Amino acid sequence: MLFAKDVPWRCLEGMSFSLFSTEEIRKLSVKAITNSNFLDSVGNVALNSLYDLALGPADTKEVCSTCCQDFNNCPGHFGHV
């Protein structure tokens, strides 16, 4: 068991935040979000929507269409509007 005295101490000297540029967003994106409907007419996930499987599974029964991983292993993927 680690005690506080056993854990090496580090001081954070700086941190910065920034936004992705439009070009970076497009390069990182796996899907353009063009559909405002979440589900299609029969209740399936709508293509090009926020729940598109290319962005990662939203449910434990689904598999990501980008990395083919399940809900627990897919890291999720960027899309752009």
C-alpha atoms as a PDB file:
ATOM      1  CA  MET A   1       0.000   0.000   0.000  1.00  0.00           C
ATOM      2  CA  LEU A   2       1.341   3.436  -0.912  1.00  0.00           C
ATOM      3  CA  PHE A   3       1.415   6.113   1.707  1.00  0.00           C
ATOM      4  CA  ALA A   4       1.616   9.824   0.975  1.00  0.00           C
ATOM      5  CA  LYS A   5       5.324   9.920   1.818  1.00  0.00           C
ATOM      6  CA  ASP A   6       6.009   7.138  -0.741  1.00  0.00           C
ATOM      7  CA  VAL A   7       4.443   9.001  -3.650  1.00  0.00           C
ATOM      8  CA  PRO A   8       6.864  11.329  -5.471  1.00  0.00           C
ATOM      9  CA  TRP A   9       5.821  14.979  -5.206  1.00  0.00           C
ATOM     10  CA  ARG A  10       5.706  17.140  -8.323  1.00  0.00           C
ATOM     11  CA  CYS A  11       4.845  20.799  -8.786  1.00  0.00           C
ATOM     12  CA  LEU A  12       2.863  21.841 -11.808  1.00  0.00           C
ATOM     13  CA  GLU A  13       4.674  24.744 -13.430  1.00  0.00           C
ATOM     14  CA  GLY A  14       2.184  25.644 -16.103  1.00  0.00           C
ATOM     15  CA  MET A  15      -0.898  24.744 -18.058  1.00  0.00           C
ATOM     16  CA  SER A  16      -2.549  26.098 -21.140  1.00  0.00           C
ATOM     17  CA  PHE A  17      -5.769  25.524 -23.011  1.00  0.00           C
ATOM     18  CA  SER A  18      -6.632  26.250 -26.610  1.00  0.00           C
ATOM     19  CA  LEU A  19      -9.291  25.495 -29.172  1.00  0.00           C
ATOM     20  CA  PHE A  20      -8.806  23.424 -32.296  1.00  0.00           C
ATOM     21  CA  SER A  21      -8.675  25.354 -35.551  1.00  0.00           C
ATOM     22  CA  THR A  22     -11.263  24.612 -38.241  1.00  0.00           C
ATOM     23  CA  GLU A  23      -8.628  22.665 -40.168  1.00  0.00           C
ATOM     24  CA  GLU A  24      -7.689  20.588 -37.099  1.00  0.00           C
ATOM     25  CA  ILE A  25     -11.346  19.813 -36.382  1.00  0.00           C
ATOM     26  CA  ARG A  26     -11.872  18.520 -39.920  1.00  0.00           C
ATOM     27  CA  LYS A  27      -8.696  16.405 -39.765  1.00  0.00           C
ATOM     28  CA  LEU A  28      -9.684  14.829 -36.427  1.00  0.00           C
ATOM     29  CA  SER A  29     -13.328  14.329 -37.370  1.00  0.00           C
ATOM     30  CA  VAL A  30     -14.596  10.942 -38.514  1.00  0.00           C
ATOM     31  CA  LYS A  31     -18.097  12.145 -39.442  1.00  0.00           C
ATOM     32  CA  ALA A  32     -19.929  15.298 -40.501  1.00  0.00           C
ATOM     33  CA  ILE A  33     -23.043  15.721 -38.358  1.00  0.00           C
ATOM     34  CA  THR A  34     -25.715  16.742 -40.864  1.00  0.00           C
ATOM     35  CA  ASN A  35     -28.839  15.044 -39.496  1.00  0.00           C
ATOM     36  CA  SER A  36     -30.710  16.700 -36.613  1.00  0.00           C
ATOM     37  CA  ASN A  37     -32.783  13.550 -35.954  1.00  0.00           C
ATOM     38  CA  PHE A  38     -31.338  11.128 -33.416  1.00  0.00           C
ATOM     39  CA  LEU A  39     -33.322   8.116 -34.628  1.00  0.00           C
ATOM     40  CA  ASP A  40     -34.800   7.048 -37.956  1.00  0.00           C
ATOM     41  CA  SER A  41     -38.486   6.217 -38.523  1.00  0.00           C
ATOM     42  CA  VAL A  42     -38.155   2.692 -37.063  1.00  0.00           C
ATOM     43  CA  GLY A  43     -36.126   3.676 -33.992  1.00  0.00           C
ATOM     44  CA  ASN A  44     -32.613   2.882 -35.204  1.00  0.00           C
ATOM     45  CA  VAL A  45     -29.729   5.301 -34.787  1.00  0.00           C
ATOM     46  CA  ALA A  46     -29.904   7.839 -37.632  1.00  0.00           C
ATOM     47  CA  LEU A  47     -26.880   8.129 -39.922  1.00  0.00           C
ATOM     48  CA  ASN A  48     -24.914  11.389 -39.693  1.00  0.00           C
ATOM     49  CA  SER A  49     -26.563  12.234 -36.359  1.00  0.00           C
ATOM     50  CA  LEU A  50     -25.089  12.779 -32.898  1.00  0.00           C
ATOM     51  CA  TYR A  51     -25.671   9.076 -32.177  1.00  0.00           C
ATOM     52  CA  ASP A  52     -24.054   7.801 -35.405  1.00  0.00           C
ATOM     53  CA  LEU A  53     -22.053   4.668 -34.579  1.00  0.00           C
ATOM     54  CA  ALA A  54     -18.972   6.175 -36.263  1.00  0.00           C
ATOM     55  CA  LEU A  55     -18.659   8.428 -33.192  1.00  0.00           C
ATOM     56  CA  GLY A  56     -18.719   5.446 -30.843  1.00  0.00           C
ATOM     57  CA  PRO A  57     -21.403   3.250 -29.306  1.00  0.00           C
ATOM     58  CA  ALA A  58     -23.931   4.989 -27.065  1.00  0.00           C
ATOM     59  CA  ASP A  59     -25.195   1.660 -25.710  1.00  0.00           C
ATOM     60  CA  THR A  60     -23.556  -1.498 -24.331  1.00  0.00           C
ATOM     61  CA  LYS A  61     -25.160  -3.590 -27.107  1.00  0.00           C
ATOM     62  CA  GLU A  62     -23.542  -1.597 -29.932  1.00  0.00           C
ATOM     63  CA  VAL A  63     -20.135  -1.699 -31.628  1.00  0.00           C
ATOM     64  CA  CYS A  64     -18.290   1.334 -32.988  1.00  0.00           C
ATOM     65  CA  SER A  65     -18.198   1.448 -36.780  1.00  0.00           C
ATOM     66  CA  THR A  66     -14.882   3.365 -36.735  1.00  0.00           C
ATOM     67  CA  CYS A  67     -12.693   1.201 -34.468  1.00  0.00           C
ATOM     68  CA  CYS A  68     -14.915  -1.908 -34.150  1.00  0.00           C
ATOM     69  CA  GLN A  69     -14.668  -1.791 -30.345  1.00  0.00           C
ATOM     70  CA  ASP A  70     -17.514  -2.243 -27.892  1.00  0.00           C
ATOM     71  CA  PHE A  71     -18.961   0.339 -25.491  1.00  0.00           C
ATOM     72  CA  ASN A  72     -16.330  -0.345 -22.814  1.00  0.00           C
ATOM     73  CA  ASN A  73     -13.302  -0.172 -25.118  1.00  0.00           C
ATOM     74  CA  CYS A  74     -14.083   2.487 -27.728  1.00  0.00           C
ATOM     75  CA  PRO A  75     -12.537   5.840 -26.753  1.00  0.00           C
ATOM     76  CA  GLY A  76     -15.111   7.786 -28.786  1.00  0.00           C
ATOM     77  CA  HIS A  77     -14.408   9.752 -31.955  1.00  0.00           C
ATOM     78  CA  PHE A  78     -14.803  13.369 -33.019  1.00  0.00           C
ATOM     79  CA  GLY A  79     -17.470  14.565 -35.393  1.00  0.00           C
ATOM     80  CA  HIS A  80     -18.093  18.066 -36.720  1.00  0.00           C
ATOM     81  CA  VAL A  81     -21.171  20.155 -37.411  1.00  0.00           C
END
